[in-house]
């Protein structure tokens, strides 16, 4: 499965993989396309959800700007997984 990412989502993905020491360079077919198989999908979603809980919520428990971007990244990965 291939996931197309715009520049904003690519920046969020880069933040997550860097912070969580994931290596996905070999998964990128070009600057905006991520090749996702079942194993990397699970790893990515775990890291994204961890980041969401740690940094993506404001004091009221609502998604902040980063949280909304992380939600969009999750949606992009899951949407392409079922299409």
PDB file of N, CA and C in Angstrom:
ATOM      1  N   UNK A   1       0.844  -1.169   0.000  1.00  0.00           N
ATOM      2  CA  UNK A   1       0.000   0.000   0.000  1.00  0.00           C
ATOM      3  C   UNK A   1       0.892   1.235   0.000  1.00  0.00           C
ATOM      4  N   UNK A   2       0.460   2.246  -0.739  1.00  0.00           N
ATOM      5  CA  UNK A   2       1.189   3.511  -0.772  1.00  0.00           C
ATOM      6  C   UNK A   2       0.337   4.603  -0.150  1.00  0.00           C
ATOM      7  N   UNK A   3       0.974   5.432   0.658  1.00  0.00           N
ATOM      8  CA  UNK A   3       0.312   6.555   1.311  1.00  0.00           C
ATOM      9  C   UNK A   3       0.955   7.835   0.791  1.00  0.00           C
ATOM     10  N   UNK A   4       0.150   8.677   0.162  1.00  0.00           N
ATOM     11  CA  UNK A   4       0.623   9.988  -0.313  1.00  0.00           C
ATOM     12  C   UNK A   4       0.516  10.980   0.835  1.00  0.00           C
ATOM     13  N   UNK A   5       1.590  11.738   1.064  1.00  0.00           N
ATOM     14  CA  UNK A   5       1.617  12.712   2.151  1.00  0.00           C
ATOM     15  C   UNK A   5       1.940  14.091   1.603  1.00  0.00           C
ATOM     16  N   UNK A   6       1.197  15.098   2.085  1.00  0.00           N
ATOM     17  CA  UNK A   6       1.561  16.466   1.723  1.00  0.00           C
ATOM     18  C   UNK A   6       2.731  16.897   2.607  1.00  0.00           C
ATOM     19  N   UNK A   7       3.241  18.082   2.351  1.00  0.00           N
ATOM     20  CA  UNK A   7       4.429  18.556   3.092  1.00  0.00           C
ATOM     21  C   UNK A   7       4.190  18.628   4.597  1.00  0.00           C
ATOM     22  N   UNK A   8       2.996  19.075   5.013  1.00  0.00           N
ATOM     23  CA  UNK A   8       2.702  19.176   6.447  1.00  0.00           C
ATOM     24  C   UNK A   8       2.719  17.806   7.121  1.00  0.00           C
ATOM     25  N   UNK A   9       2.053  16.832   6.496  1.00  0.00           N
ATOM     26  CA  UNK A   9       2.016  15.491   7.086  1.00  0.00           C
ATOM     27  C   UNK A   9       3.386  14.829   7.031  1.00  0.00           C
ATOM     28  N   UNK A  10       4.138  15.109   5.987  1.00  0.00           N
ATOM     29  CA  UNK A  10       5.491  14.573   5.906  1.00  0.00           C
ATOM     30  C   UNK A  10       6.352  15.120   7.044  1.00  0.00           C
ATOM     31  N   UNK A  11       6.181  16.400   7.374  1.00  0.00           N
ATOM     32  CA  UNK A  11       6.925  17.005   8.483  1.00  0.00           C
ATOM     33  C   UNK A  11       6.541  16.362   9.815  1.00  0.00           C
ATOM     34  N   UNK A  12       5.250  16.090  10.006  1.00  0.00           N
ATOM     35  CA  UNK A  12       4.789  15.441  11.231  1.00  0.00           C
ATOM     36  C   UNK A  12       5.336  14.017  11.303  1.00  0.00           C
ATOM     37  N   UNK A  13       5.274  13.300  10.189  1.00  0.00           N
ATOM     38  CA  UNK A  13       5.814  11.943  10.147  1.00  0.00           C
ATOM     39  C   UNK A  13       7.305  11.955  10.477  1.00  0.00           C
ATOM     40  N   UNK A  14       8.039  12.888   9.907  1.00  0.00           N
ATOM     41  CA  UNK A  14       9.480  12.998  10.174  1.00  0.00           C
ATOM     42  C   UNK A  14       9.731  13.240  11.654  1.00  0.00           C
ATOM     43  N   UNK A  15       8.923  14.104  12.266  1.00  0.00           N
ATOM     44  CA  UNK A  15       9.054  14.373  13.707  1.00  0.00           C
ATOM     45  C   UNK A  15       8.868  13.092  14.509  1.00  0.00           C
ATOM     46  N   UNK A  16       7.828  12.330  14.168  1.00  0.00           N
ATOM     47  CA  UNK A  16       7.513  11.107  14.916  1.00  0.00           C
ATOM     48  C   UNK A  16       8.615  10.061  14.741  1.00  0.00           C
ATOM     49  N   UNK A  17       9.027   9.807  13.510  1.00  0.00           N
ATOM     50  CA  UNK A  17      10.029   8.754  13.303  1.00  0.00           C
ATOM     51  C   UNK A  17      11.377   9.142  13.904  1.00  0.00           C
ATOM     52  N   UNK A  18      11.705  10.428  13.894  1.00  0.00           N
ATOM     53  CA  UNK A  18      12.952  10.878  14.507  1.00  0.00           C
ATOM     54  C   UNK A  18      12.882  10.721  16.022  1.00  0.00           C
ATOM     55  N   UNK A  19      11.798  11.182  16.607  1.00  0.00           N
ATOM     56  CA  UNK A  19      11.658  11.120  18.064  1.00  0.00           C
ATOM     57  C   UNK A  19      11.632   9.682  18.572  1.00  0.00           C
ATOM     58  N   UNK A  20      11.031   8.794  17.795  1.00  0.00           N
ATOM     59  CA  UNK A  20      10.881   7.403  18.230  1.00  0.00           C
ATOM     60  C   UNK A  20      11.928   6.476  17.609  1.00  0.00           C
ATOM     61  N   UNK A  21      12.940   7.082  16.978  1.00  0.00           N
ATOM     62  CA  UNK A  21      14.080   6.349  16.406  1.00  0.00           C
ATOM     63  C   UNK A  21      13.646   5.225  15.467  1.00  0.00           C
ATOM     64  N   UNK A  22      12.692   5.530  14.613  1.00  0.00           N
ATOM     65  CA  UNK A  22      12.256   4.564  13.607  1.00  0.00           C
ATOM     66  C   UNK A  22      13.034   4.815  12.318  1.00  0.00           C
ATOM     67  N   UNK A  23      13.281   3.779  11.588  1.00  0.00           N
ATOM     68  CA  UNK A  23      13.967   3.913  10.303  1.00  0.00           C
ATOM     69  C   UNK A  23      12.992   3.545   9.197  1.00  0.00           C
ATOM     70  N   UNK A  24      12.529   4.569   8.469  1.00  0.00           N
ATOM     71  CA  UNK A  24      11.571   4.295   7.397  1.00  0.00           C
ATOM     72  C   UNK A  24      12.055   4.799   6.048  1.00  0.00           C
ATOM     73  N   UNK A  25      13.314   5.253   5.962  1.00  0.00           N
ATOM     74  CA  UNK A  25      13.797   5.800   4.703  1.00  0.00           C
ATOM     75  C   UNK A  25      13.597   4.827   3.555  1.00  0.00           C
ATOM     76  N   UNK A  26      13.833   3.565   3.804  1.00  0.00           N
ATOM     77  CA  UNK A  26      13.674   2.556   2.768  1.00  0.00           C
ATOM     78  C   UNK A  26      12.210   2.357   2.384  1.00  0.00           C
ATOM     79  N   UNK A  27      11.310   2.891   3.178  1.00  0.00           N
ATOM     80  CA  UNK A  27       9.877   2.786   2.899  1.00  0.00           C
ATOM     81  C   UNK A  27       9.380   3.912   2.006  1.00  0.00           C
ATOM     82  N   UNK A  28      10.220   4.922   1.771  1.00  0.00           N
ATOM     83  CA  UNK A  28       9.802   6.060   0.959  1.00  0.00           C
ATOM     84  C   UNK A  28      10.148   5.798  -0.503  1.00  0.00           C
ATOM     85  N   UNK A  29       9.121   5.754  -1.360  1.00  0.00           N
ATOM     86  CA  UNK A  29       9.397   5.541  -2.783  1.00  0.00           C
ATOM     87  C   UNK A  29       9.750   6.857  -3.466  1.00  0.00           C
ATOM     88  N   UNK A  30       9.310   7.961  -2.908  1.00  0.00           N
ATOM     89  CA  UNK A  30       9.739   9.297  -3.317  1.00  0.00           C
ATOM     90  C   UNK A  30       9.479  10.225  -2.146  1.00  0.00           C
ATOM     91  N   UNK A  31       9.681  11.506  -2.332  1.00  0.00           N
ATOM     92  CA  UNK A  31       9.598  12.460  -1.216  1.00  0.00           C
ATOM     93  C   UNK A  31       8.217  12.501  -0.555  1.00  0.00           C
ATOM     94  N   UNK A  32       7.160  12.123  -1.279  1.00  0.00           N
ATOM     95  CA  UNK A  32       5.819  12.268  -0.712  1.00  0.00           C
ATOM     96  C   UNK A  32       5.024  10.961  -0.643  1.00  0.00           C
ATOM     97  N   UNK A  33       5.658   9.835  -0.947  1.00  0.00           N
ATOM     98  CA  UNK A  33       4.945   8.564  -0.953  1.00  0.00           C
ATOM     99  C   UNK A  33       5.621   7.577  -0.017  1.00  0.00           C
ATOM    100  N   UNK A  34       4.835   7.059   0.906  1.00  0.00           N
ATOM    101  CA  UNK A  34       5.313   6.089   1.883  1.00  0.00           C
ATOM    102  C   UNK A  34       4.737   4.729   1.527  1.00  0.00           C
ATOM    103  N   UNK A  35       5.605   3.734   1.396  1.00  0.00           N
ATOM    104  CA  UNK A  35       5.159   2.359   1.170  1.00  0.00           C
ATOM    105  C   UNK A  35       4.934   1.719   2.531  1.00  0.00           C
ATOM    106  N   UNK A  36       3.709   1.272   2.773  1.00  0.00           N
ATOM    107  CA  UNK A  36       3.349   0.768   4.095  1.00  0.00           C
ATOM    108  C   UNK A  36       2.846  -0.667   3.976  1.00  0.00           C
ATOM    109  N   UNK A  37       3.565  -1.577   4.632  1.00  0.00           N
ATOM    110  CA  UNK A  37       3.052  -2.936   4.753  1.00  0.00           C
ATOM    111  C   UNK A  37       2.503  -3.090   6.177  1.00  0.00           C
ATOM    112  N   UNK A  38       1.962  -4.242   6.485  1.00  0.00           N
ATOM    113  CA  UNK A  38       1.298  -4.430   7.778  1.00  0.00           C
ATOM    114  C   UNK A  38       2.226  -4.181   8.956  1.00  0.00           C
ATOM    115  N   UNK A  39       3.473  -4.628   8.871  1.00  0.00           N
ATOM    116  CA  UNK A  39       4.373  -4.473  10.015  1.00  0.00           C
ATOM    117  C   UNK A  39       4.768  -3.019  10.242  1.00  0.00           C
ATOM    118  N   UNK A  40       5.106  -2.298   9.166  1.00  0.00           N
ATOM    119  CA  UNK A  40       5.487  -0.895   9.344  1.00  0.00           C
ATOM    120  C   UNK A  40       4.260  -0.058   9.714  1.00  0.00           C
ATOM    121  N   UNK A  41       3.088  -0.438   9.213  1.00  0.00           N
ATOM    122  CA  UNK A  41       1.872   0.292   9.567  1.00  0.00           C
ATOM    123  C   UNK A  41       1.636   0.240  11.068  1.00  0.00           C
ATOM    124  N   UNK A  42       1.732  -0.942  11.648  1.00  0.00           N
ATOM    125  CA  UNK A  42       1.513  -1.086  13.087  1.00  0.00           C
ATOM    126  C   UNK A  42       2.552  -0.299  13.879  1.00  0.00           C
ATOM    127  N   UNK A  43       3.799  -0.366  13.462  1.00  0.00           N
ATOM    128  CA  UNK A  43       4.873   0.365  14.133  1.00  0.00           C
ATOM    129  C   UNK A  43       4.642   1.870  14.059  1.00  0.00           C
ATOM    130  N   UNK A  44       4.289   2.355  12.868  1.00  0.00           N
ATOM    131  CA  UNK A  44       4.023   3.785  12.695  1.00  0.00           C
ATOM    132  C   UNK A  44       2.837   4.239  13.530  1.00  0.00           C
ATOM    133  N   UNK A  45       1.745   3.492  13.474  1.00  0.00           N
ATOM    134  CA  UNK A  45       0.556   3.896  14.231  1.00  0.00           C
ATOM    135  C   UNK A  45       0.830   3.897  15.731  1.00  0.00           C
ATOM    136  N   UNK A  46       1.588   2.929  16.224  1.00  0.00           N
ATOM    137  CA  UNK A  46       1.950   2.919  17.647  1.00  0.00           C
ATOM    138  C   UNK A  46       2.729   4.178  18.016  1.00  0.00           C
ATOM    139  N   UNK A  47       3.708   4.541  17.184  1.00  0.00           N
ATOM    140  CA  UNK A  47       4.518   5.728  17.459  1.00  0.00           C
ATOM    141  C   UNK A  47       3.684   7.006  17.356  1.00  0.00           C
ATOM    142  N   UNK A  48       2.819   7.080  16.367  1.00  0.00           N
ATOM    143  CA  UNK A  48       1.968   8.266  16.188  1.00  0.00           C
ATOM    144  C   UNK A  48       1.017   8.415  17.369  1.00  0.00           C
ATOM    145  N   UNK A  49       0.417   7.314  17.799  1.00  0.00           N
ATOM    146  CA  UNK A  49      -0.507   7.378  18.948  1.00  0.00           C
ATOM    147  C   UNK A  49       0.231   7.742  20.234  1.00  0.00           C
ATOM    148  N   UNK A  50       1.445   7.242  20.404  1.00  0.00           N
ATOM    149  CA  UNK A  50       2.249   7.612  21.568  1.00  0.00           C
ATOM    150  C   UNK A  50       2.532   9.106  21.561  1.00  0.00           C
ATOM    151  N   UNK A  51       2.881   9.623  20.394  1.00  0.00           N
ATOM    152  CA  UNK A  51       3.144  11.059  20.258  1.00  0.00           C
ATOM    153  C   UNK A  51       1.874  11.867  20.511  1.00  0.00           C
ATOM    154  N   UNK A  52       0.749  11.372  20.027  1.00  0.00           N
ATOM    155  CA  UNK A  52      -0.524  12.058  20.226  1.00  0.00           C
ATOM    156  C   UNK A  52      -0.832  12.198  21.716  1.00  0.00           C
ATOM    157  N   UNK A  53      -0.688  11.115  22.450  1.00  0.00           N
ATOM    158  CA  UNK A  53      -0.973  11.148  23.894  1.00  0.00           C
ATOM    159  C   UNK A  53       0.015  12.055  24.624  1.00  0.00           C
ATOM    160  N   UNK A  54       1.285  12.014  24.225  1.00  0.00           N
ATOM    161  CA  UNK A  54       2.324  12.788  24.917  1.00  0.00           C
ATOM    162  C   UNK A  54       2.289  14.270  24.579  1.00  0.00           C
ATOM    163  N   UNK A  55       2.027  14.616  23.326  1.00  0.00           N
ATOM    164  CA  UNK A  55       2.187  16.006  22.884  1.00  0.00           C
ATOM    165  C   UNK A  55       0.978  16.594  22.157  1.00  0.00           C
ATOM    166  N   UNK A  56      -0.014  15.774  21.833  1.00  0.00           N
ATOM    167  CA  UNK A  56      -1.079  16.220  20.949  1.00  0.00           C
ATOM    168  C   UNK A  56      -2.346  16.715  21.606  1.00  0.00           C
ATOM    169  N   UNK A  57      -2.356  16.818  22.922  1.00  0.00           N
ATOM    170  CA  UNK A  57      -3.566  17.261  23.625  1.00  0.00           C
ATOM    171  C   UNK A  57      -3.283  18.506  24.453  1.00  0.00           C
ATOM    172  N   UNK A  58      -4.286  19.393  24.510  1.00  0.00           N
ATOM    173  CA  UNK A  58      -4.135  20.577  25.356  1.00  0.00           C
ATOM    174  C   UNK A  58      -4.554  20.238  26.781  1.00  0.00           C
ATOM    175  N   UNK A  59      -4.559  21.223  27.654  1.00  0.00           N
ATOM    176  CA  UNK A  59      -4.856  20.986  29.068  1.00  0.00           C
ATOM    177  C   UNK A  59      -6.285  20.500  29.291  1.00  0.00           C
ATOM    178  N   UNK A  60      -7.164  20.754  28.329  1.00  0.00           N
ATOM    179  CA  UNK A  60      -8.555  20.301  28.437  1.00  0.00           C
ATOM    180  C   UNK A  60      -8.776  18.938  27.791  1.00  0.00           C
ATOM    181  N   UNK A  61      -7.701  18.312  27.321  1.00  0.00           N
ATOM    182  CA  UNK A  61      -7.819  17.009  26.696  1.00  0.00           C
ATOM    183  C   UNK A  61      -8.282  17.046  25.250  1.00  0.00           C
ATOM    184  N   UNK A  62      -8.316  18.241  24.673  1.00  0.00           N
ATOM    185  CA  UNK A  62      -8.699  18.397  23.268  1.00  0.00           C
ATOM    186  C   UNK A  62      -7.446  18.421  22.403  1.00  0.00           C
ATOM    187  N   UNK A  63      -7.544  17.930  21.166  1.00  0.00           N
ATOM    188  CA  UNK A  63      -6.363  17.960  20.302  1.00  0.00           C
ATOM    189  C   UNK A  63      -5.892  19.391  20.047  1.00  0.00           C
ATOM    190  N   UNK A  64      -4.577  19.596  20.199  1.00  0.00           N
ATOM    191  CA  UNK A  64      -3.975  20.873  19.836  1.00  0.00           C
ATOM    192  C   UNK A  64      -3.591  20.808  18.360  1.00  0.00           C
ATOM    193  N   UNK A  65      -2.830  21.790  17.882  1.00  0.00           N
ATOM    194  CA  UNK A  65      -2.470  21.807  16.462  1.00  0.00           C
ATOM    195  C   UNK A  65      -1.729  20.535  16.063  1.00  0.00           C
ATOM    196  N   UNK A  66      -0.741  20.136  16.858  1.00  0.00           N
ATOM    197  CA  UNK A  66      -0.011  18.910  16.560  1.00  0.00           C
ATOM    198  C   UNK A  66      -0.951  17.706  16.614  1.00  0.00           C
ATOM    199  N   UNK A  67      -1.824  17.686  17.595  1.00  0.00           N
ATOM    200  CA  UNK A  67      -2.772  16.586  17.718  1.00  0.00           C
ATOM    201  C   UNK A  67      -3.658  16.441  16.486  1.00  0.00           C
ATOM    202  N   UNK A  68      -4.105  17.565  15.949  1.00  0.00           N
ATOM    203  CA  UNK A  68      -4.917  17.525  14.730  1.00  0.00           C
ATOM    204  C   UNK A  68      -4.106  17.007  13.547  1.00  0.00           C
ATOM    205  N   UNK A  69      -2.835  17.401  13.481  1.00  0.00           N
ATOM    206  CA  UNK A  69      -1.967  16.905  12.407  1.00  0.00           C
ATOM    207  C   UNK A  69      -1.720  15.399  12.560  1.00  0.00           C
ATOM    208  N   UNK A  70      -1.515  14.960  13.784  1.00  0.00           N
ATOM    209  CA  UNK A  70      -1.323  13.532  14.028  1.00  0.00           C
ATOM    210  C   UNK A  70      -2.583  12.743  13.663  1.00  0.00           C
ATOM    211  N   UNK A  71      -3.757  13.285  13.997  1.00  0.00           N
ATOM    212  CA  UNK A  71      -5.014  12.645  13.595  1.00  0.00           C
ATOM    213  C   UNK A  71      -5.102  12.535  12.080  1.00  0.00           C
ATOM    214  N   UNK A  72      -4.702  13.573  11.373  1.00  0.00           N
ATOM    215  CA  UNK A  72      -4.722  13.550   9.903  1.00  0.00           C
ATOM    216  C   UNK A  72      -3.759  12.500   9.357  1.00  0.00           C
ATOM    217  N   UNK A  73      -2.606  12.364   9.999  1.00  0.00           N
ATOM    218  CA  UNK A  73      -1.638  11.359   9.578  1.00  0.00           C
ATOM    219  C   UNK A  73      -2.192   9.946   9.795  1.00  0.00           C
ATOM    220  N   UNK A  74      -2.812   9.729  10.932  1.00  0.00           N
ATOM    221  CA  UNK A  74      -3.460   8.437  11.205  1.00  0.00           C
ATOM    222  C   UNK A  74      -4.530   8.160  10.155  1.00  0.00           C
ATOM    223  N   UNK A  75      -5.351   9.155   9.873  1.00  0.00           N
ATOM    224  CA  UNK A  75      -6.399   8.995   8.860  1.00  0.00           C
ATOM    225  C   UNK A  75      -5.813   8.652   7.499  1.00  0.00           C
ATOM    226  N   UNK A  76      -4.730   9.313   7.120  1.00  0.00           N
ATOM    227  CA  UNK A  76      -4.107   9.069   5.807  1.00  0.00           C
ATOM    228  C   UNK A  76      -3.593   7.630   5.725  1.00  0.00           C
ATOM    229  N   UNK A  77      -2.969   7.163   6.768  1.00  0.00           N
ATOM    230  CA  UNK A  77      -2.438   5.796   6.770  1.00  0.00           C
ATOM    231  C   UNK A  77      -3.583   4.781   6.748  1.00  0.00           C
ATOM    232  N   UNK A  78      -4.600   5.000   7.561  1.00  0.00           N
ATOM    233  CA  UNK A  78      -5.726   4.066   7.602  1.00  0.00           C
ATOM    234  C   UNK A  78      -6.610   4.142   6.366  1.00  0.00           C
ATOM    235  N   UNK A  79      -6.822   5.331   5.817  1.00  0.00           N
ATOM    236  CA  UNK A  79      -7.660   5.479   4.615  1.00  0.00           C
ATOM    237  C   UNK A  79      -7.052   4.707   3.458  1.00  0.00           C
ATOM    238  N   UNK A  80      -5.761   4.871   3.262  1.00  0.00           N
ATOM    239  CA  UNK A  80      -5.119   4.175   2.152  1.00  0.00           C
ATOM    240  C   UNK A  80      -5.021   2.683   2.421  1.00  0.00           C
ATOM    241  N   UNK A  81      -5.064   2.295   3.659  1.00  0.00           N
ATOM    242  CA  UNK A  81      -4.980   0.863   3.982  1.00  0.00           C
ATOM    243  C   UNK A  81      -6.251   0.132   3.585  1.00  0.00           C
ATOM    244  N   UNK A  82      -7.386   0.822   3.584  1.00  0.00           N
ATOM    245  CA  UNK A  82      -8.644   0.145   3.275  1.00  0.00           C
ATOM    246  C   UNK A  82      -9.124   0.406   1.865  1.00  0.00           C
ATOM    247  N   UNK A  83      -8.415   1.275   1.125  1.00  0.00           N
ATOM    248  CA  UNK A  83      -8.875   1.558  -0.228  1.00  0.00           C
ATOM    249  C   UNK A  83      -8.203   0.656  -1.242  1.00  0.00           C
TER     250      UNK A  83
END
